[in-house]
């Protein structure tokens, strides 16, 4: 369950990470007057956080909808677990 939470958090944070990477790639991570690198907090102060939040929510909802609708349900198919037979493990199967 924790893995699912981490995956959802990653998908939600993806727009902000892409924004930060874009700022890094175009060279806006350095202050133009002093030439020193900006802190992450300074870059995020200039970021459109409302739009990044909305994009993260939309991406997360789209991802969750895609996974729930595109995955095949195995409720009708019984699962036979793996068995140890004749010195070998035979894989479990769904009928």
N, C-alpha and C. Protein backbone atom coordinates (compact mmCIF):
# COMPACT_ATOMS: atom_id res chain seq x y z
N UNK A 1 0.82 -1.19 0.00
CA UNK A 1 0.00 0.00 0.00
C UNK A 1 0.87 1.26 0.00
N UNK A 2 2.00 1.19 0.66
CA UNK A 2 2.90 2.34 0.68
C UNK A 2 3.46 2.60 -0.71
N UNK A 3 3.72 1.53 -1.47
CA UNK A 3 4.23 1.69 -2.83
C UNK A 3 3.24 2.46 -3.68
N UNK A 4 1.96 2.17 -3.53
CA UNK A 4 0.93 2.88 -4.30
C UNK A 4 0.91 4.35 -3.89
N UNK A 5 1.07 4.62 -2.62
CA UNK A 5 1.11 6.01 -2.15
C UNK A 5 2.30 6.76 -2.73
N UNK A 6 3.46 6.11 -2.76
CA UNK A 6 4.64 6.74 -3.35
C UNK A 6 4.47 6.99 -4.84
N UNK A 7 3.86 6.03 -5.54
CA UNK A 7 3.63 6.21 -6.98
C UNK A 7 2.67 7.36 -7.24
N UNK A 8 1.61 7.46 -6.44
CA UNK A 8 0.66 8.57 -6.60
C UNK A 8 1.33 9.91 -6.30
N UNK A 9 2.16 9.94 -5.28
CA UNK A 9 2.87 11.19 -4.95
C UNK A 9 3.82 11.58 -6.06
N UNK A 10 4.48 10.61 -6.66
CA UNK A 10 5.39 10.90 -7.77
C UNK A 10 4.64 11.46 -8.97
N UNK A 11 3.50 10.84 -9.29
CA UNK A 11 2.70 11.33 -10.42
C UNK A 11 2.19 12.74 -10.12
N UNK A 12 1.78 12.99 -8.89
CA UNK A 12 1.29 14.32 -8.50
C UNK A 12 2.40 15.37 -8.58
N UNK A 13 3.61 15.01 -8.20
CA UNK A 13 4.72 15.96 -8.20
C UNK A 13 5.40 16.12 -9.56
N UNK A 14 5.04 15.29 -10.53
CA UNK A 14 5.68 15.30 -11.84
C UNK A 14 5.65 16.67 -12.53
N UNK A 15 4.53 17.41 -12.55
CA UNK A 15 4.57 18.74 -13.18
C UNK A 15 5.56 19.70 -12.51
N UNK A 16 5.64 19.66 -11.19
CA UNK A 16 6.58 20.55 -10.49
C UNK A 16 8.02 20.15 -10.79
N UNK A 17 8.29 18.84 -10.86
CA UNK A 17 9.64 18.39 -11.18
C UNK A 17 10.01 18.76 -12.61
N UNK A 18 9.05 18.67 -13.52
CA UNK A 18 9.31 19.07 -14.90
C UNK A 18 9.56 20.58 -15.00
N UNK A 19 8.82 21.36 -14.23
CA UNK A 19 9.02 22.82 -14.21
C UNK A 19 10.42 23.15 -13.70
N UNK A 20 10.81 22.51 -12.62
CA UNK A 20 12.13 22.74 -12.04
C UNK A 20 13.23 22.33 -13.02
N UNK A 21 13.04 21.18 -13.69
CA UNK A 21 14.01 20.74 -14.70
C UNK A 21 14.08 21.68 -15.88
N UNK A 22 12.93 22.21 -16.31
CA UNK A 22 12.90 23.17 -17.41
C UNK A 22 13.67 24.44 -17.04
N UNK A 23 13.43 24.94 -15.84
CA UNK A 23 14.16 26.13 -15.39
C UNK A 23 15.66 25.88 -15.32
N UNK A 24 16.03 24.66 -14.93
CA UNK A 24 17.44 24.30 -14.87
C UNK A 24 18.04 24.25 -16.27
N UNK A 25 17.30 23.66 -17.22
CA UNK A 25 17.82 23.49 -18.57
C UNK A 25 17.98 24.82 -19.32
N UNK A 26 17.06 25.76 -19.12
CA UNK A 26 17.16 27.02 -19.86
C UNK A 26 18.08 28.02 -19.18
N UNK A 27 18.60 27.64 -18.03
CA UNK A 27 19.60 28.48 -17.39
C UNK A 27 19.07 29.55 -16.47
N UNK A 28 17.83 29.45 -16.05
CA UNK A 28 17.28 30.44 -15.14
C UNK A 28 17.49 30.06 -13.67
N UNK A 29 18.40 29.16 -13.42
CA UNK A 29 18.70 28.77 -12.05
C UNK A 29 19.75 29.68 -11.42
N UNK A 30 20.36 30.56 -12.22
CA UNK A 30 21.37 31.47 -11.69
C UNK A 30 20.81 32.89 -11.67
N UNK A 31 21.19 33.64 -10.67
CA UNK A 31 20.80 35.04 -10.56
C UNK A 31 21.56 35.83 -11.62
N UNK A 32 20.87 36.68 -12.38
CA UNK A 32 21.51 37.40 -13.48
C UNK A 32 22.46 38.49 -12.99
N UNK A 33 22.22 39.04 -11.81
CA UNK A 33 23.08 40.11 -11.33
C UNK A 33 24.36 39.61 -10.67
N UNK A 34 24.25 38.55 -9.87
CA UNK A 34 25.42 38.06 -9.15
C UNK A 34 26.03 36.81 -9.78
N UNK A 35 25.25 36.05 -10.54
CA UNK A 35 25.76 34.83 -11.16
C UNK A 35 25.73 33.62 -10.24
N UNK A 36 25.26 33.80 -8.99
CA UNK A 36 25.17 32.69 -8.06
C UNK A 36 23.91 31.89 -8.34
N UNK A 37 23.96 30.61 -8.00
CA UNK A 37 22.79 29.75 -8.19
C UNK A 37 21.68 30.15 -7.23
N UNK A 38 20.44 30.09 -7.74
CA UNK A 38 19.27 30.35 -6.89
C UNK A 38 18.97 29.12 -6.06
N UNK A 39 18.40 29.34 -4.90
CA UNK A 39 17.94 28.23 -4.07
C UNK A 39 16.65 27.67 -4.65
N UNK A 40 16.33 26.45 -4.27
CA UNK A 40 15.09 25.82 -4.73
C UNK A 40 13.89 26.65 -4.29
N UNK A 41 13.96 27.18 -3.07
CA UNK A 41 12.84 27.99 -2.57
C UNK A 41 12.65 29.26 -3.39
N UNK A 42 13.75 29.85 -3.87
CA UNK A 42 13.63 31.05 -4.71
C UNK A 42 12.99 30.73 -6.05
N UNK A 43 13.33 29.59 -6.62
CA UNK A 43 12.74 29.19 -7.90
C UNK A 43 11.26 28.89 -7.70
N UNK A 44 10.91 28.20 -6.60
CA UNK A 44 9.51 27.87 -6.36
C UNK A 44 8.68 29.09 -5.97
N UNK A 45 9.32 30.14 -5.43
CA UNK A 45 8.59 31.38 -5.16
C UNK A 45 8.10 32.02 -6.45
N UNK A 46 8.84 31.84 -7.52
CA UNK A 46 8.47 32.41 -8.82
C UNK A 46 7.57 31.47 -9.62
N UNK A 47 7.39 30.25 -9.15
CA UNK A 47 6.65 29.23 -9.90
C UNK A 47 5.15 29.47 -9.82
N UNK A 48 4.43 29.09 -10.88
CA UNK A 48 2.96 29.17 -10.84
C UNK A 48 2.38 27.96 -10.09
N UNK A 49 2.41 28.02 -8.76
CA UNK A 49 2.08 26.86 -7.95
C UNK A 49 0.63 26.41 -8.13
N UNK A 50 -0.28 27.35 -8.36
CA UNK A 50 -1.67 26.97 -8.58
C UNK A 50 -1.83 26.11 -9.82
N UNK A 51 -1.17 26.51 -10.90
CA UNK A 51 -1.24 25.73 -12.14
C UNK A 51 -0.53 24.39 -12.00
N UNK A 52 0.59 24.37 -11.29
CA UNK A 52 1.29 23.11 -11.08
C UNK A 52 0.45 22.16 -10.23
N UNK A 53 -0.24 22.70 -9.22
CA UNK A 53 -1.12 21.89 -8.38
C UNK A 53 -2.27 21.32 -9.21
N UNK A 54 -2.89 22.17 -10.04
CA UNK A 54 -4.00 21.72 -10.89
C UNK A 54 -3.53 20.67 -11.90
N UNK A 55 -2.35 20.88 -12.49
CA UNK A 55 -1.83 19.91 -13.45
C UNK A 55 -1.51 18.59 -12.76
N UNK A 56 -0.97 18.64 -11.55
CA UNK A 56 -0.69 17.42 -10.80
C UNK A 56 -1.96 16.66 -10.46
N UNK A 57 -3.00 17.38 -10.05
CA UNK A 57 -4.28 16.73 -9.75
C UNK A 57 -4.88 16.09 -11.00
N UNK A 58 -4.86 16.82 -12.11
CA UNK A 58 -5.42 16.28 -13.35
C UNK A 58 -4.63 15.05 -13.82
N UNK A 59 -3.32 15.10 -13.72
CA UNK A 59 -2.49 13.97 -14.13
C UNK A 59 -2.73 12.76 -13.23
N UNK A 60 -2.88 13.00 -11.94
CA UNK A 60 -3.13 11.91 -11.00
C UNK A 60 -4.48 11.26 -11.26
N UNK A 61 -5.52 12.07 -11.47
CA UNK A 61 -6.85 11.53 -11.75
C UNK A 61 -6.84 10.74 -13.06
N UNK A 62 -6.19 11.29 -14.09
CA UNK A 62 -6.13 10.59 -15.38
C UNK A 62 -5.38 9.27 -15.24
N UNK A 63 -4.31 9.25 -14.48
CA UNK A 63 -3.54 8.02 -14.28
C UNK A 63 -4.36 6.97 -13.53
N UNK A 64 -5.03 7.39 -12.47
CA UNK A 64 -5.84 6.44 -11.70
C UNK A 64 -7.00 5.90 -12.53
N UNK A 65 -7.64 6.77 -13.32
CA UNK A 65 -8.72 6.31 -14.19
C UNK A 65 -8.21 5.33 -15.25
N UNK A 66 -7.05 5.62 -15.81
CA UNK A 66 -6.49 4.73 -16.82
C UNK A 66 -6.18 3.36 -16.23
N UNK A 67 -5.60 3.32 -15.05
CA UNK A 67 -5.27 2.04 -14.44
C UNK A 67 -6.52 1.25 -14.05
N UNK A 68 -7.55 1.94 -13.57
CA UNK A 68 -8.74 1.21 -13.15
C UNK A 68 -9.55 0.71 -14.33
N UNK A 69 -9.55 1.42 -15.44
CA UNK A 69 -10.36 0.99 -16.57
C UNK A 69 -9.63 0.05 -17.51
N UNK A 70 -8.31 0.12 -17.58
CA UNK A 70 -7.58 -0.69 -18.54
C UNK A 70 -7.11 -2.03 -17.98
N UNK A 71 -7.12 -2.20 -16.68
CA UNK A 71 -6.67 -3.46 -16.11
C UNK A 71 -7.77 -4.51 -16.17
N UNK A 72 -7.36 -5.74 -16.46
CA UNK A 72 -8.31 -6.84 -16.53
C UNK A 72 -8.60 -7.35 -15.13
N UNK A 73 -9.86 -7.54 -14.84
CA UNK A 73 -10.25 -8.07 -13.54
C UNK A 73 -10.11 -9.58 -13.54
N UNK A 74 -9.54 -10.12 -12.50
CA UNK A 74 -9.36 -11.57 -12.38
C UNK A 74 -10.31 -12.16 -11.34
N UNK A 75 -11.43 -11.51 -11.09
CA UNK A 75 -12.35 -12.00 -10.08
C UNK A 75 -13.03 -13.29 -10.50
N UNK A 76 -13.28 -13.46 -11.79
CA UNK A 76 -13.96 -14.66 -12.26
C UNK A 76 -13.00 -15.83 -12.43
N UNK A 77 -11.71 -15.57 -12.49
CA UNK A 77 -10.72 -16.61 -12.74
C UNK A 77 -10.08 -17.06 -11.41
N UNK A 78 -10.24 -18.33 -11.05
CA UNK A 78 -9.60 -18.78 -9.81
C UNK A 78 -8.08 -18.88 -10.00
N UNK A 79 -7.36 -18.63 -8.94
CA UNK A 79 -5.90 -18.68 -8.96
C UNK A 79 -5.43 -19.97 -8.32
N UNK A 80 -4.56 -20.68 -9.00
CA UNK A 80 -3.93 -21.87 -8.43
C UNK A 80 -2.50 -21.49 -8.05
N UNK A 81 -2.15 -21.58 -6.77
CA UNK A 81 -0.82 -21.15 -6.33
C UNK A 81 0.28 -22.09 -6.84
N UNK A 82 1.50 -21.61 -6.73
CA UNK A 82 2.66 -22.41 -7.14
C UNK A 82 2.78 -23.64 -6.24
N UNK A 83 3.24 -24.74 -6.85
CA UNK A 83 3.40 -25.98 -6.09
C UNK A 83 4.80 -26.54 -6.34
N UNK A 84 5.30 -27.25 -5.35
CA UNK A 84 6.60 -27.92 -5.44
C UNK A 84 6.33 -29.38 -5.78
N UNK A 85 6.76 -29.78 -6.99
CA UNK A 85 6.45 -31.14 -7.45
C UNK A 85 7.67 -31.71 -8.18
N UNK A 86 8.08 -32.90 -7.80
CA UNK A 86 9.20 -33.61 -8.42
C UNK A 86 10.48 -32.78 -8.42
N UNK A 87 10.72 -32.06 -7.36
CA UNK A 87 11.96 -31.29 -7.24
C UNK A 87 11.96 -29.96 -7.99
N UNK A 88 10.83 -29.57 -8.55
CA UNK A 88 10.73 -28.30 -9.28
C UNK A 88 9.52 -27.52 -8.80
N UNK A 89 9.61 -26.23 -8.91
CA UNK A 89 8.48 -25.38 -8.58
C UNK A 89 7.71 -25.07 -9.85
N UNK A 90 6.43 -25.41 -9.85
CA UNK A 90 5.58 -25.06 -10.97
C UNK A 90 4.87 -23.75 -10.65
N UNK A 91 4.90 -22.84 -11.59
CA UNK A 91 4.34 -21.50 -11.37
C UNK A 91 2.83 -21.56 -11.15
N UNK A 92 2.34 -20.59 -10.39
CA UNK A 92 0.92 -20.45 -10.21
C UNK A 92 0.27 -19.91 -11.47
N UNK A 93 -0.98 -20.28 -11.69
CA UNK A 93 -1.68 -19.85 -12.89
C UNK A 93 -3.09 -19.40 -12.55
N UNK A 94 -3.65 -18.59 -13.42
CA UNK A 94 -5.05 -18.22 -13.37
C UNK A 94 -5.76 -18.99 -14.46
N UNK A 95 -6.87 -19.61 -14.10
CA UNK A 95 -7.61 -20.40 -15.10
C UNK A 95 -8.57 -19.52 -15.85
